Amino acid sequence: MKKIIFYSYLKCSTCRKASKWLDKRDFEYQLVDIVKEPPFYKYLNLALEQFSEDKKKIFNTRGKAFKSKNIDIYSLSREEVIQLLLSDGKLIKRPFLVYEEKKVILGFNEIEYANQFM
């Protein structure tokens, strides 16, 4: 059984699409409210390793929380990025999936999900 931790926001339509995709294929996952419980430090660190080419991909740049703050992502250190994301789950790109505790999958793309999980 592959372990999936699914960080989601109830009002997020993309999160609902992703969970429907997983449900339809009988995947089991642990659902976590990203606002009440942002991903653990180690998972945010893993995401930063994976997306080191462009750490902006980890942020929900279209959300109100991001737009209301004047954030220059590229001027922040790795530690500052993690602390900022831990301070407000709405700043994090979602859904935020942790797969087998080794890989982070951001957002929802059917092709990417099929490639990762099938």
PDB file of N, CA and C in Angstrom:
ATOM      1  N   MET A   1       0.849  -1.197   0.000  1.00  0.00           N
ATOM      2  CA  MET A   1       0.000   0.000   0.000  1.00  0.00           C
ATOM      3  C   MET A   1       0.885   1.247   0.000  1.00  0.00           C
ATOM      4  N   LYS A   2       0.717   2.067  -0.976  1.00  0.00           N
ATOM      5  CA  LYS A   2       1.512   3.285  -1.077  1.00  0.00           C
ATOM      6  C   LYS A   2       0.904   4.358  -0.175  1.00  0.00           C
ATOM      7  N   LYS A   3       1.768   5.088   0.500  1.00  0.00           N
ATOM      8  CA  LYS A   3       1.298   6.089   1.454  1.00  0.00           C
ATOM      9  C   LYS A   3       1.214   7.465   0.789  1.00  0.00           C
ATOM     10  N   ILE A   4       0.027   8.061   0.864  1.00  0.00           N
ATOM     11  CA  ILE A   4      -0.204   9.397   0.324  1.00  0.00           C
ATOM     12  C   ILE A   4      -0.778  10.282   1.429  1.00  0.00           C
ATOM     13  N   ILE A   5      -0.139  11.419   1.652  1.00  0.00           N
ATOM     14  CA  ILE A   5      -0.691  12.430   2.552  1.00  0.00           C
ATOM     15  C   ILE A   5      -1.183  13.551   1.645  1.00  0.00           C
ATOM     16  N   PHE A   6      -2.449  13.883   1.762  1.00  0.00           N
ATOM     17  CA  PHE A   6      -3.110  14.833   0.862  1.00  0.00           C
ATOM     18  C   PHE A   6      -3.464  16.088   1.651  1.00  0.00           C
ATOM     19  N   TYR A   7      -2.677  17.141   1.483  1.00  0.00           N
ATOM     20  CA  TYR A   7      -2.970  18.426   2.120  1.00  0.00           C
ATOM     21  C   TYR A   7      -3.910  19.185   1.197  1.00  0.00           C
ATOM     22  N   SER A   8      -5.064  19.551   1.732  1.00  0.00           N
ATOM     23  CA  SER A   8      -6.130  20.115   0.917  1.00  0.00           C
ATOM     24  C   SER A   8      -6.800  21.287   1.630  1.00  0.00           C
ATOM     25  N   TYR A   9      -7.514  22.075   0.851  1.00  0.00           N
ATOM     26  CA  TYR A   9      -8.321  23.170   1.391  1.00  0.00           C
ATOM     27  C   TYR A   9      -9.744  22.915   0.918  1.00  0.00           C
ATOM     28  N   LEU A  10     -10.674  22.870   1.853  1.00  0.00           N
ATOM     29  CA  LEU A  10     -12.058  22.498   1.567  1.00  0.00           C
ATOM     30  C   LEU A  10     -12.684  23.287   0.408  1.00  0.00           C
ATOM     31  N   LYS A  11     -12.394  24.572   0.324  1.00  0.00           N
ATOM     32  CA  LYS A  11     -13.017  25.419  -0.691  1.00  0.00           C
ATOM     33  C   LYS A  11     -12.290  25.405  -2.036  1.00  0.00           C
ATOM     34  N   CYS A  12     -11.245  24.608  -2.142  1.00  0.00           N
ATOM     35  CA  CYS A  12     -10.417  24.578  -3.350  1.00  0.00           C
ATOM     36  C   CYS A  12     -10.975  23.577  -4.366  1.00  0.00           C
ATOM     37  N   SER A  13     -11.400  24.070  -5.515  1.00  0.00           N
ATOM     38  CA  SER A  13     -11.976  23.182  -6.540  1.00  0.00           C
ATOM     39  C   SER A  13     -10.913  22.239  -7.119  1.00  0.00           C
ATOM     40  N   THR A  14      -9.685  22.693  -7.210  1.00  0.00           N
ATOM     41  CA  THR A  14      -8.609  21.832  -7.721  1.00  0.00           C
ATOM     42  C   THR A  14      -8.362  20.671  -6.753  1.00  0.00           C
ATOM     43  N   CYS A  15      -8.439  20.945  -5.461  1.00  0.00           N
ATOM     44  CA  CYS A  15      -8.283  19.884  -4.452  1.00  0.00           C
ATOM     45  C   CYS A  15      -9.402  18.852  -4.598  1.00  0.00           C
ATOM     46  N   ARG A  16     -10.619  19.336  -4.838  1.00  0.00           N
ATOM     47  CA  ARG A  16     -11.754  18.415  -5.001  1.00  0.00           C
ATOM     48  C   ARG A  16     -11.565  17.544  -6.242  1.00  0.00           C
ATOM     49  N   LYS A  17     -11.061  18.127  -7.329  1.00  0.00           N
ATOM     50  CA  LYS A  17     -10.806  17.347  -8.558  1.00  0.00           C
ATOM     51  C   LYS A  17      -9.758  16.276  -8.288  1.00  0.00           C
ATOM     52  N   ALA A  18      -8.709  16.645  -7.572  1.00  0.00           N
ATOM     53  CA  ALA A  18      -7.639  15.690  -7.267  1.00  0.00           C
ATOM     54  C   ALA A  18      -8.157  14.556  -6.396  1.00  0.00           C
ATOM     55  N   SER A  19      -8.952  14.877  -5.382  1.00  0.00           N
ATOM     56  CA  SER A  19      -9.460  13.820  -4.494  1.00  0.00           C
ATOM     57  C   SER A  19     -10.431  12.909  -5.255  1.00  0.00           C
ATOM     58  N   LYS A  20     -11.222  13.467  -6.161  1.00  0.00           N
ATOM     59  CA  LYS A  20     -12.127  12.635  -6.976  1.00  0.00           C
ATOM     60  C   LYS A  20     -11.318  11.679  -7.850  1.00  0.00           C
ATOM     61  N   TRP A  21     -10.219  12.182  -8.418  1.00  0.00           N
ATOM     62  CA  TRP A  21      -9.355  11.356  -9.263  1.00  0.00           C
ATOM     63  C   TRP A  21      -8.798  10.190  -8.442  1.00  0.00           C
ATOM     64  N   LEU A  22      -8.306  10.483  -7.244  1.00  0.00           N
ATOM     65  CA  LEU A  22      -7.751   9.442  -6.378  1.00  0.00           C
ATOM     66  C   LEU A  22      -8.835   8.461  -5.926  1.00  0.00           C
ATOM     67  N   ASP A  23     -10.003   8.998  -5.548  1.00  0.00           N
ATOM     68  CA  ASP A  23     -11.115   8.153  -5.085  1.00  0.00           C
ATOM     69  C   ASP A  23     -11.578   7.196  -6.186  1.00  0.00           C
ATOM     70  N   LYS A  24     -11.693   7.719  -7.399  1.00  0.00           N
ATOM     71  CA  LYS A  24     -12.169   6.933  -8.542  1.00  0.00           C
ATOM     72  C   LYS A  24     -11.248   5.730  -8.795  1.00  0.00           C
ATOM     73  N   ARG A  25      -9.983   5.876  -8.434  1.00  0.00           N
ATOM     74  CA  ARG A  25      -8.999   4.816  -8.652  1.00  0.00           C
ATOM     75  C   ARG A  25      -8.680   4.049  -7.361  1.00  0.00           C
ATOM     76  N   ASP A  26      -9.534   4.260  -6.356  1.00  0.00           N
ATOM     77  CA  ASP A  26      -9.428   3.538  -5.077  1.00  0.00           C
ATOM     78  C   ASP A  26      -8.102   3.715  -4.336  1.00  0.00           C
ATOM     79  N   PHE A  27      -7.519   4.898  -4.445  1.00  0.00           N
ATOM     80  CA  PHE A  27      -6.323   5.199  -3.668  1.00  0.00           C
ATOM     81  C   PHE A  27      -6.746   5.575  -2.257  1.00  0.00           C
ATOM     82  N   GLU A  28      -5.984   5.109  -1.304  1.00  0.00           N
ATOM     83  CA  GLU A  28      -6.217   5.530   0.074  1.00  0.00           C
ATOM     84  C   GLU A  28      -5.235   6.641   0.375  1.00  0.00           C
ATOM     85  N   TYR A  29      -5.711   7.632   1.101  1.00  0.00           N
ATOM     86  CA  TYR A  29      -4.836   8.751   1.457  1.00  0.00           C
ATOM     87  C   TYR A  29      -5.292   9.353   2.771  1.00  0.00           C
ATOM     88  N   GLN A  30      -4.356  10.010   3.405  1.00  0.00           N
ATOM     89  CA  GLN A  30      -4.653  10.720   4.650  1.00  0.00           C
ATOM     90  C   GLN A  30      -4.958  12.166   4.257  1.00  0.00           C
ATOM     91  N   LEU A  31      -6.163  12.625   4.519  1.00  0.00           N
ATOM     92  CA  LEU A  31      -6.570  13.984   4.171  1.00  0.00           C
ATOM     93  C   LEU A  31      -6.277  14.930   5.332  1.00  0.00           C
ATOM     94  N   VAL A  32      -5.576  16.021   5.033  1.00  0.00           N
ATOM     95  CA  VAL A  32      -5.206  16.994   6.058  1.00  0.00           C
ATOM     96  C   VAL A  32      -5.605  18.381   5.570  1.00  0.00           C
ATOM     97  N   ASP A  33      -6.245  19.162   6.439  1.00  0.00           N
ATOM     98  CA  ASP A  33      -6.615  20.540   6.117  1.00  0.00           C
ATOM     99  C   ASP A  33      -5.346  21.398   6.126  1.00  0.00           C
ATOM    100  N   ILE A  34      -4.950  21.891   4.972  1.00  0.00           N
ATOM    101  CA  ILE A  34      -3.696  22.633   4.828  1.00  0.00           C
ATOM    102  C   ILE A  34      -3.700  23.956   5.609  1.00  0.00           C
ATOM    103  N   VAL A  35      -4.882  24.505   5.876  1.00  0.00           N
ATOM    104  CA  VAL A  35      -4.971  25.767   6.620  1.00  0.00           C
ATOM    105  C   VAL A  35      -4.799  25.514   8.116  1.00  0.00           C
ATOM    106  N   LYS A  36      -5.468  24.476   8.619  1.00  0.00           N
ATOM    107  CA  LYS A  36      -5.363  24.148  10.051  1.00  0.00           C
ATOM    108  C   LYS A  36      -4.030  23.492  10.390  1.00  0.00           C
ATOM    109  N   GLU A  37      -3.529  22.676   9.464  1.00  0.00           N
ATOM    110  CA  GLU A  37      -2.267  21.948   9.689  1.00  0.00           C
ATOM    111  C   GLU A  37      -1.401  22.011   8.440  1.00  0.00           C
ATOM    112  N   PRO A  38      -0.628  23.076   8.275  1.00  0.00           N
ATOM    113  CA  PRO A  38       0.256  23.134   7.102  1.00  0.00           C
ATOM    114  C   PRO A  38       1.206  21.940   7.094  1.00  0.00           C
ATOM    115  N   PRO A  39       1.727  21.586   5.929  1.00  0.00           N
ATOM    116  CA  PRO A  39       2.649  20.449   5.862  1.00  0.00           C
ATOM    117  C   PRO A  39       3.809  20.601   6.847  1.00  0.00           C
ATOM    118  N   PHE A  40       4.279  19.469   7.340  1.00  0.00           N
ATOM    119  CA  PHE A  40       5.412  19.477   8.261  1.00  0.00           C
ATOM    120  C   PHE A  40       6.614  20.151   7.614  1.00  0.00           C
ATOM    121  N   TYR A  41       7.470  20.653   8.460  1.00  0.00           N
ATOM    122  CA  TYR A  41       8.715  21.294   8.028  1.00  0.00           C
ATOM    123  C   TYR A  41       9.462  20.400   7.028  1.00  0.00           C
ATOM    124  N   LYS A  42       9.570  19.101   7.357  1.00  0.00           N
ATOM    125  CA  LYS A  42      10.349  18.195   6.496  1.00  0.00           C
ATOM    126  C   LYS A  42       9.725  18.063   5.105  1.00  0.00           C
ATOM    127  N   TYR A  43       8.397  18.165   5.000  1.00  0.00           N
ATOM    128  CA  TYR A  43       7.753  18.067   3.696  1.00  0.00           C
ATOM    129  C   TYR A  43       7.947  19.353   2.880  1.00  0.00           C
ATOM    130  N   LEU A  44       7.912  20.496   3.561  1.00  0.00           N
ATOM    131  CA  LEU A  44       8.177  21.762   2.864  1.00  0.00           C
ATOM    132  C   LEU A  44       9.631  21.788   2.393  1.00  0.00           C
ATOM    133  N   ASN A  45      10.522  21.277   3.205  1.00  0.00           N
ATOM    134  CA  ASN A  45      11.939  21.197   2.840  1.00  0.00           C
ATOM    135  C   ASN A  45      12.116  20.278   1.625  1.00  0.00           C
ATOM    136  N   LEU A  46      11.410  19.162   1.612  1.00  0.00           N
ATOM    137  CA  LEU A  46      11.443  18.233   0.486  1.00  0.00           C
ATOM    138  C   LEU A  46      10.934  18.917  -0.787  1.00  0.00           C
ATOM    139  N   ALA A  47       9.852  19.679  -0.655  1.00  0.00           N
ATOM    140  CA  ALA A  47       9.308  20.416  -1.805  1.00  0.00           C
ATOM    141  C   ALA A  47      10.330  21.417  -2.333  1.00  0.00           C
ATOM    142  N   LEU A  48      11.013  22.107  -1.436  1.00  0.00           N
ATOM    143  CA  LEU A  48      12.030  23.068  -1.856  1.00  0.00           C
ATOM    144  C   LEU A  48      13.196  22.379  -2.561  1.00  0.00           C
ATOM    145  N   GLU A  49      13.526  21.177  -2.124  1.00  0.00           N
ATOM    146  CA  GLU A  49      14.584  20.419  -2.817  1.00  0.00           C
ATOM    147  C   GLU A  49      14.123  20.067  -4.223  1.00  0.00           C
ATOM    148  N   GLN A  50      12.906  19.568  -4.336  1.00  0.00           N
ATOM    149  CA  GLN A  50      12.370  19.157  -5.632  1.00  0.00           C
ATOM    150  C   GLN A  50      12.200  20.323  -6.599  1.00  0.00           C
ATOM    151  N   PHE A  51      11.773  21.453  -6.068  1.00  0.00           N
ATOM    152  CA  PHE A  51      11.486  22.610  -6.917  1.00  0.00           C
ATOM    153  C   PHE A  51      12.534  23.702  -6.724  1.00  0.00           C
ATOM    154  N   SER A  52      13.771  23.288  -6.521  1.00  0.00           N
ATOM    155  CA  SER A  52      14.846  24.250  -6.254  1.00  0.00           C
ATOM    156  C   SER A  52      15.092  25.179  -7.442  1.00  0.00           C
ATOM    157  N   GLU A  53      14.745  24.728  -8.645  1.00  0.00           N
ATOM    158  CA  GLU A  53      14.900  25.568  -9.842  1.00  0.00           C
ATOM    159  C   GLU A  53      13.985  26.797  -9.767  1.00  0.00           C
ATOM    160  N   ASP A  54      12.803  26.602  -9.176  1.00  0.00           N
ATOM    161  CA  ASP A  54      11.849  27.706  -9.072  1.00  0.00           C
ATOM    162  C   ASP A  54      10.976  27.520  -7.838  1.00  0.00           C
ATOM    163  N   LYS A  55      11.444  28.097  -6.711  1.00  0.00           N
ATOM    164  CA  LYS A  55      10.707  27.920  -5.457  1.00  0.00           C
ATOM    165  C   LYS A  55       9.340  28.590  -5.479  1.00  0.00           C
ATOM    166  N   LYS A  56       9.082  29.439  -6.473  1.00  0.00           N
ATOM    167  CA  LYS A  56       7.775  30.085  -6.600  1.00  0.00           C
ATOM    168  C   LYS A  56       6.673  29.042  -6.846  1.00  0.00           C
ATOM    169  N   LYS A  57       7.031  27.895  -7.417  1.00  0.00           N
ATOM    170  CA  LYS A  57       6.051  26.845  -7.715  1.00  0.00           C
ATOM    171  C   LYS A  57       5.394  26.289  -6.457  1.00  0.00           C
ATOM    172  N   ILE A  58       6.028  26.461  -5.308  1.00  0.00           N
ATOM    173  CA  ILE A  58       5.490  25.944  -4.054  1.00  0.00           C
ATOM    174  C   ILE A  58       4.409  26.869  -3.502  1.00  0.00           C
ATOM    175  N   PHE A  59       4.377  28.093  -4.000  1.00  0.00           N
ATOM    176  CA  PHE A  59       3.432  29.095  -3.508  1.00  0.00           C
ATOM    177  C   PHE A  59       2.147  29.114  -4.326  1.00  0.00           C
ATOM    178  N   ASN A  60       1.043  29.394  -3.655  1.00  0.00           N
ATOM    179  CA  ASN A  60      -0.244  29.616  -4.294  1.00  0.00           C
ATOM    180  C   ASN A  60      -0.280  31.097  -4.693  1.00  0.00           C
ATOM    181  N   THR A  61       0.357  31.402  -5.797  1.00  0.00           N
ATOM    182  CA  THR A  61       0.542  32.804  -6.201  1.00  0.00           C
ATOM    183  C   THR A  61      -0.747  33.478  -6.661  1.00  0.00           C
ATOM    184  N   ARG A  62      -1.777  32.693  -6.939  1.00  0.00           N
ATOM    185  CA  ARG A  62      -3.046  33.294  -7.379  1.00  0.00           C
ATOM    186  C   ARG A  62      -4.016  33.571  -6.223  1.00  0.00           C
ATOM    187  N   GLY A  63      -3.643  33.125  -5.041  1.00  0.00           N
ATOM    188  CA  GLY A  63      -4.528  33.282  -3.888  1.00  0.00           C
ATOM    189  C   GLY A  63      -4.453  34.658  -3.251  1.00  0.00           C
ATOM    190  N   LYS A  64      -5.508  34.996  -2.534  1.00  0.00           N
ATOM    191  CA  LYS A  64      -5.585  36.296  -1.836  1.00  0.00           C
ATOM    192  C   LYS A  64      -4.471  36.452  -0.809  1.00  0.00           C
ATOM    193  N   ALA A  65      -4.174  35.365  -0.087  1.00  0.00           N
ATOM    194  CA  ALA A  65      -3.148  35.435   0.966  1.00  0.00           C
ATOM    195  C   ALA A  65      -1.806  35.859   0.371  1.00  0.00           C
ATOM    196  N   PHE A  66      -1.471  35.318  -0.788  1.00  0.00           N
ATOM    197  CA  PHE A  66      -0.203  35.664  -1.431  1.00  0.00           C
ATOM    198  C   PHE A  66      -0.244  37.094  -1.969  1.00  0.00           C
ATOM    199  N   LYS A  67      -1.346  37.426  -2.634  1.00  0.00           N
ATOM    200  CA  LYS A  67      -1.466  38.760  -3.252  1.00  0.00           C
ATOM    201  C   LYS A  67      -1.513  39.877  -2.219  1.00  0.00           C
ATOM    202  N   SER A  68      -2.025  39.573  -1.021  1.00  0.00           N
ATOM    203  CA  SER A  68      -2.140  40.606   0.011  1.00  0.00           C
ATOM    204  C   SER A  68      -0.792  40.933   0.660  1.00  0.00           C
ATOM    205  N   LYS A  69       0.166  40.022   0.487  1.00  0.00           N
ATOM    206  CA  LYS A  69       1.507  40.268   1.033  1.00  0.00           C
ATOM    207  C   LYS A  69       2.411  40.620  -0.142  1.00  0.00           C
ATOM    208  N   ASN A  70       3.339  41.476   0.095  1.00  0.00           N
ATOM    209  CA  ASN A  70       4.278  41.827  -0.965  1.00  0.00           C
ATOM    210  C   ASN A  70       5.512  40.952  -0.785  1.00  0.00           C
ATOM    211  N   ILE A  71       5.447  39.743  -1.346  1.00  0.00           N
ATOM    212  CA  ILE A  71       6.498  38.762  -1.112  1.00  0.00           C
ATOM    213  C   ILE A  71       7.444  38.685  -2.313  1.00  0.00           C
ATOM    214  N   ASP A  72       8.714  38.902  -2.040  1.00  0.00           N
ATOM    215  CA  ASP A  72       9.735  38.685  -3.062  1.00  0.00           C
ATOM    216  C   ASP A  72      10.368  37.334  -2.741  1.00  0.00           C
ATOM    217  N   ILE A  73       9.796  36.294  -3.304  1.00  0.00           N
ATOM    218  CA  ILE A  73      10.195  34.926  -3.000  1.00  0.00           C
ATOM    219  C   ILE A  73      11.695  34.713  -3.197  1.00  0.00           C
ATOM    220  N   TYR A  74      12.218  35.296  -4.260  1.00  0.00           N
ATOM    221  CA  TYR A  74      13.610  35.027  -4.625  1.00  0.00           C
ATOM    222  C   TYR A  74      14.624  35.689  -3.701  1.00  0.00           C
ATOM    223  N   SER A  75      14.166  36.638  -2.894  1.00  0.00           N
ATOM    224  CA  SER A  75      15.091  37.277  -1.951  1.00  0.00           C
ATOM    225  C   SER A  75      15.119  36.533  -0.606  1.00  0.00           C
ATOM    226  N   LEU A  76      14.215  35.572  -0.445  1.00  0.00           N
ATOM    227  CA  LEU A  76      14.117  34.845   0.826  1.00  0.00           C
ATOM    228  C   LEU A  76      15.045  33.638   0.854  1.00  0.00           C
ATOM    229  N   SER A  77      15.608  33.382   2.026  1.00  0.00           N
ATOM    230  CA  SER A  77      16.421  32.178   2.207  1.00  0.00           C
ATOM    231  C   SER A  77      15.477  30.969   2.278  1.00  0.00           C
ATOM    232  N   ARG A  78      16.041  29.799   2.165  1.00  0.00           N
ATOM    233  CA  ARG A  78      15.263  28.560   2.273  1.00  0.00           C
ATOM    234  C   ARG A  78      14.494  28.526   3.598  1.00  0.00           C
ATOM    235  N   GLU A  79      15.181  28.868   4.681  1.00  0.00           N
ATOM    236  CA  GLU A  79      14.562  28.865   6.005  1.00  0.00           C
ATOM    237  C   GLU A  79      13.419  29.883   6.080  1.00  0.00           C
ATOM    238  N   GLU A  80      13.605  31.057   5.507  1.00  0.00           N
ATOM    239  CA  GLU A  80      12.555  32.092   5.511  1.00  0.00           C
ATOM    240  C   GLU A  80      11.344  31.641   4.707  1.00  0.00           C
ATOM    241  N   VAL A  81      11.575  30.959   3.592  1.00  0.00           N
ATOM    242  CA  VAL A  81      10.464  30.440   2.781  1.00  0.00           C
ATOM    243  C   VAL A  81       9.664  29.430   3.599  1.00  0.00           C
ATOM    244  N   ILE A  82      10.356  28.510   4.243  1.00  0.00           N
ATOM    245  CA  ILE A  82       9.667  27.482   5.036  1.00  0.00           C
ATOM    246  C   ILE A  82       8.874  28.118   6.174  1.00  0.00           C
ATOM    247  N   GLN A  83       9.464  29.054   6.879  1.00  0.00           N
ATOM    248  CA  GLN A  83       8.766  29.712   7.993  1.00  0.00           C
ATOM    249  C   GLN A  83       7.538  30.476   7.488  1.00  0.00           C
ATOM    250  N   LEU A  84       7.661  31.119   6.347  1.00  0.00           N
ATOM    251  CA  LEU A  84       6.533  31.853   5.761  1.00  0.00           C
ATOM    252  C   LEU A  84       5.396  30.888   5.409  1.00  0.00           C
ATOM    253  N   LEU A  85       5.726  29.776   4.782  1.00  0.00           N
ATOM    254  CA  LEU A  85       4.712  28.789   4.413  1.00  0.00           C
ATOM    255  C   LEU A  85       4.072  28.145   5.641  1.00  0.00           C
ATOM    256  N   LEU A  86       4.869  27.902   6.662  1.00  0.00           N
ATOM    257  CA  LEU A  86       4.320  27.341   7.911  1.00  0.00           C
ATOM    258  C   LEU A  86       3.375  28.322   8.603  1.00  0.00           C
ATOM    259  N   SER A  87       3.586  29.614   8.392  1.00  0.00           N
ATOM    260  CA  SER A  87       2.776  30.638   9.060  1.00  0.00           C
ATOM    261  C   SER A  87       1.376  30.779   8.467  1.00  0.00           C
ATOM    262  N   ASP A  88       1.191  30.335   7.214  1.00  0.00           N
ATOM    263  CA  ASP A  88      -0.108  30.486   6.558  1.00  0.00           C
ATOM    264  C   ASP A  88      -0.261  29.424   5.471  1.00  0.00           C
ATOM    265  N   GLY A  89      -1.059  28.402   5.755  1.00  0.00           N
ATOM    266  CA  GLY A  89      -1.282  27.312   4.806  1.00  0.00           C
ATOM    267  C   GLY A  89      -1.865  27.759   3.485  1.00  0.00           C
ATOM    268  N   LYS A  90      -2.542  28.915   3.471  1.00  0.00           N
ATOM    269  CA  LYS A  90      -3.131  29.396   2.226  1.00  0.00           C
ATOM    270  C   LYS A  90      -2.071  29.900   1.235  1.00  0.00           C
ATOM    271  N   LEU A  91      -0.848  30.069   1.706  1.00  0.00           N
ATOM    272  CA  LEU A  91       0.234  30.497   0.816  1.00  0.00           C
ATOM    273  C   LEU A  91       0.793  29.329  -0.005  1.00  0.00           C
ATOM    274  N   ILE A  92       0.443  28.107   0.392  1.00  0.00           N
ATOM    275  CA  ILE A  92       1.022  26.913  -0.218  1.00  0.00           C
ATOM    276  C   ILE A  92       0.186  26.443  -1.407  1.00  0.00           C
ATOM    277  N   LYS A  93       0.867  26.109  -2.492  1.00  0.00           N
ATOM    278  CA  LYS A  93       0.207  25.548  -3.671  1.00  0.00           C
ATOM    279  C   LYS A  93      -0.506  24.274  -3.269  1.00  0.00           C
ATOM    280  N   ARG A  94      -1.736  24.140  -3.734  1.00  0.00           N
ATOM    281  CA  ARG A  94      -2.508  22.970  -3.347  1.00  0.00           C
ATOM    282  C   ARG A  94      -3.246  22.371  -4.539  1.00  0.00           C
ATOM    283  N   PRO A  95      -3.604  21.121  -4.416  1.00  0.00           N
ATOM    284  CA  PRO A  95      -3.259  20.243  -3.314  1.00  0.00           C
ATOM    285  C   PRO A  95      -1.750  20.014  -3.226  1.00  0.00           C
ATOM    286  N   PHE A  96      -1.326  19.666  -2.042  1.00  0.00           N
ATOM    287  CA  PHE A  96       0.073  19.394  -1.733  1.00  0.00           C
ATOM    288  C   PHE A  96       0.106  17.942  -1.286  1.00  0.00           C
ATOM    289  N   LEU A  97       0.574  17.064  -2.156  1.00  0.00           N
ATOM    290  CA  LEU A  97       0.598  15.639  -1.837  1.00  0.00           C
ATOM    291  C   LEU A  97       2.006  15.198  -1.495  1.00  0.00           C
ATOM    292  N   VAL A  98       2.089  14.398  -0.464  1.00  0.00           N
ATOM    293  CA  VAL A  98       3.365  13.781  -0.097  1.00  0.00           C
ATOM    294  C   VAL A  98       3.195  12.296  -0.406  1.00  0.00           C
ATOM    295  N   TYR A  99       4.045  11.796  -1.285  1.00  0.00           N
ATOM    296  CA  TYR A  99       3.940  10.425  -1.757  1.00  0.00           C
ATOM    297  C   TYR A  99       5.110   9.598  -1.226  1.00  0.00           C
ATOM    298  N   GLU A 100       4.767   8.578  -0.430  1.00  0.00           N
ATOM    299  CA  GLU A 100       5.774   7.680   0.130  1.00  0.00           C
ATOM    300  C   GLU A 100       6.829   8.412   0.960  1.00  0.00           C
ATOM    301  N   GLU A 101       6.513   9.610   1.424  1.00  0.00           N
ATOM    302  CA  GLU A 101       7.430  10.451   2.209  1.00  0.00           C
ATOM    303  C   GLU A 101       8.719  10.779   1.449  1.00  0.00           C
ATOM    304  N   LYS A 102       8.699  10.600   0.114  1.00  0.00           N
ATOM    305  CA  LYS A 102       9.896  10.832  -0.688  1.00  0.00           C
ATOM    306  C   LYS A 102       9.685  11.871  -1.780  1.00  0.00           C
ATOM    307  N   LYS A 103       8.440  12.157  -2.123  1.00  0.00           N
ATOM    308  CA  LYS A 103       8.155  13.027  -3.257  1.00  0.00           C
ATOM    309  C   LYS A 103       6.956  13.916  -2.933  1.00  0.00           C
ATOM    310  N   VAL A 104       7.037  15.158  -3.393  1.00  0.00           N
ATOM    311  CA  VAL A 104       5.927  16.090  -3.237  1.00  0.00           C
ATOM    312  C   VAL A 104       5.336  16.331  -4.621  1.00  0.00           C
ATOM    313  N   ILE A 105       4.008  16.280  -4.702  1.00  0.00           N
ATOM    314  CA  ILE A 105       3.297  16.562  -5.943  1.00  0.00           C
ATOM    315  C   ILE A 105       2.412  17.769  -5.674  1.00  0.00           C
ATOM    316  N   LEU A 106       2.580  18.812  -6.468  1.00  0.00           N
ATOM    317  CA  LEU A 106       1.849  20.065  -6.259  1.00  0.00           C
ATOM    318  C   LEU A 106       0.777  20.255  -7.318  1.00  0.00           C
ATOM    319  N   GLY A 107      -0.362  20.803  -6.892  1.00  0.00           N
ATOM    320  CA  GLY A 107      -1.443  21.076  -7.832  1.00  0.00           C
ATOM    321  C   GLY A 107      -2.077  19.778  -8.305  1.00  0.00           C
ATOM    322  N   PHE A 108      -2.857  19.874  -9.382  1.00  0.00           N
ATOM    323  CA  PHE A 108      -3.481  18.682  -9.939  1.00  0.00           C
ATOM    324  C   PHE A 108      -3.387  18.712 -11.446  1.00  0.00           C
ATOM    325  N   ASN A 109      -2.789  17.664 -11.971  1.00  0.00           N
ATOM    326  CA  ASN A 109      -2.683  17.456 -13.406  1.00  0.00           C
ATOM    327  C   ASN A 109      -2.886  15.958 -13.611  1.00  0.00           C
ATOM    328  N   GLU A 110      -3.951  15.596 -14.337  1.00  0.00           N
ATOM    329  CA  GLU A 110      -4.294  14.171 -14.497  1.00  0.00           C
ATOM    330  C   GLU A 110      -3.136  13.353 -15.043  1.00  0.00           C
ATOM    331  N   ILE A 111      -2.419  13.896 -16.015  1.00  0.00           N
ATOM    332  CA  ILE A 111      -1.311  13.159 -16.628  1.00  0.00           C
ATOM    333  C   ILE A 111      -0.203  12.933 -15.600  1.00  0.00           C
ATOM    334  N   GLU A 112       0.127  13.972 -14.853  1.00  0.00           N
ATOM    335  CA  GLU A 112       1.173  13.827 -13.829  1.00  0.00           C
ATOM    336  C   GLU A 112       0.756  12.809 -12.766  1.00  0.00           C
ATOM    337  N   TYR A 113      -0.514  12.880 -12.341  1.00  0.00           N
ATOM    338  CA  TYR A 113      -0.995  11.930 -11.334  1.00  0.00           C
ATOM    339  C   TYR A 113      -0.902  10.505 -11.887  1.00  0.00           C
ATOM    340  N   ALA A 114      -1.330  10.306 -13.124  1.00  0.00           N
ATOM    341  CA  ALA A 114      -1.267   8.973 -13.736  1.00  0.00           C
ATOM    342  C   ALA A 114       0.178   8.484 -13.789  1.00  0.00           C
ATOM    343  N   ASN A 115       1.095   9.359 -14.161  1.00  0.00           N
ATOM    344  CA  ASN A 115       2.514   8.986 -14.233  1.00  0.00           C
ATOM    345  C   ASN A 115       3.085   8.657 -12.854  1.00  0.00           C
ATOM    346  N   GLN A 116       2.655   9.369 -11.831  1.00  0.00           N
ATOM    347  CA  GLN A 116       3.183   9.172 -10.481  1.00  0.00           C
ATOM    348  C   GLN A 116       2.586   7.941  -9.799  1.00  0.00           C
ATOM    349  N   PHE A 117       1.296   7.728  -9.996  1.00  0.00           N
ATOM    350  CA  PHE A 117       0.591   6.725  -9.195  1.00  0.00           C
ATOM    351  C   PHE A 117       0.268   5.422  -9.920  1.00  0.00           C
ATOM    352  N   MET A 118       0.395   5.383 -11.216  1.00  0.00           N
ATOM    353  CA  MET A 118      -0.024   4.162 -11.935  1.00  0.00           C
ATOM    354  C   MET A 118       1.170   3.305 -12.297  1.00  0.00           C
TER     355      MET A 118
END
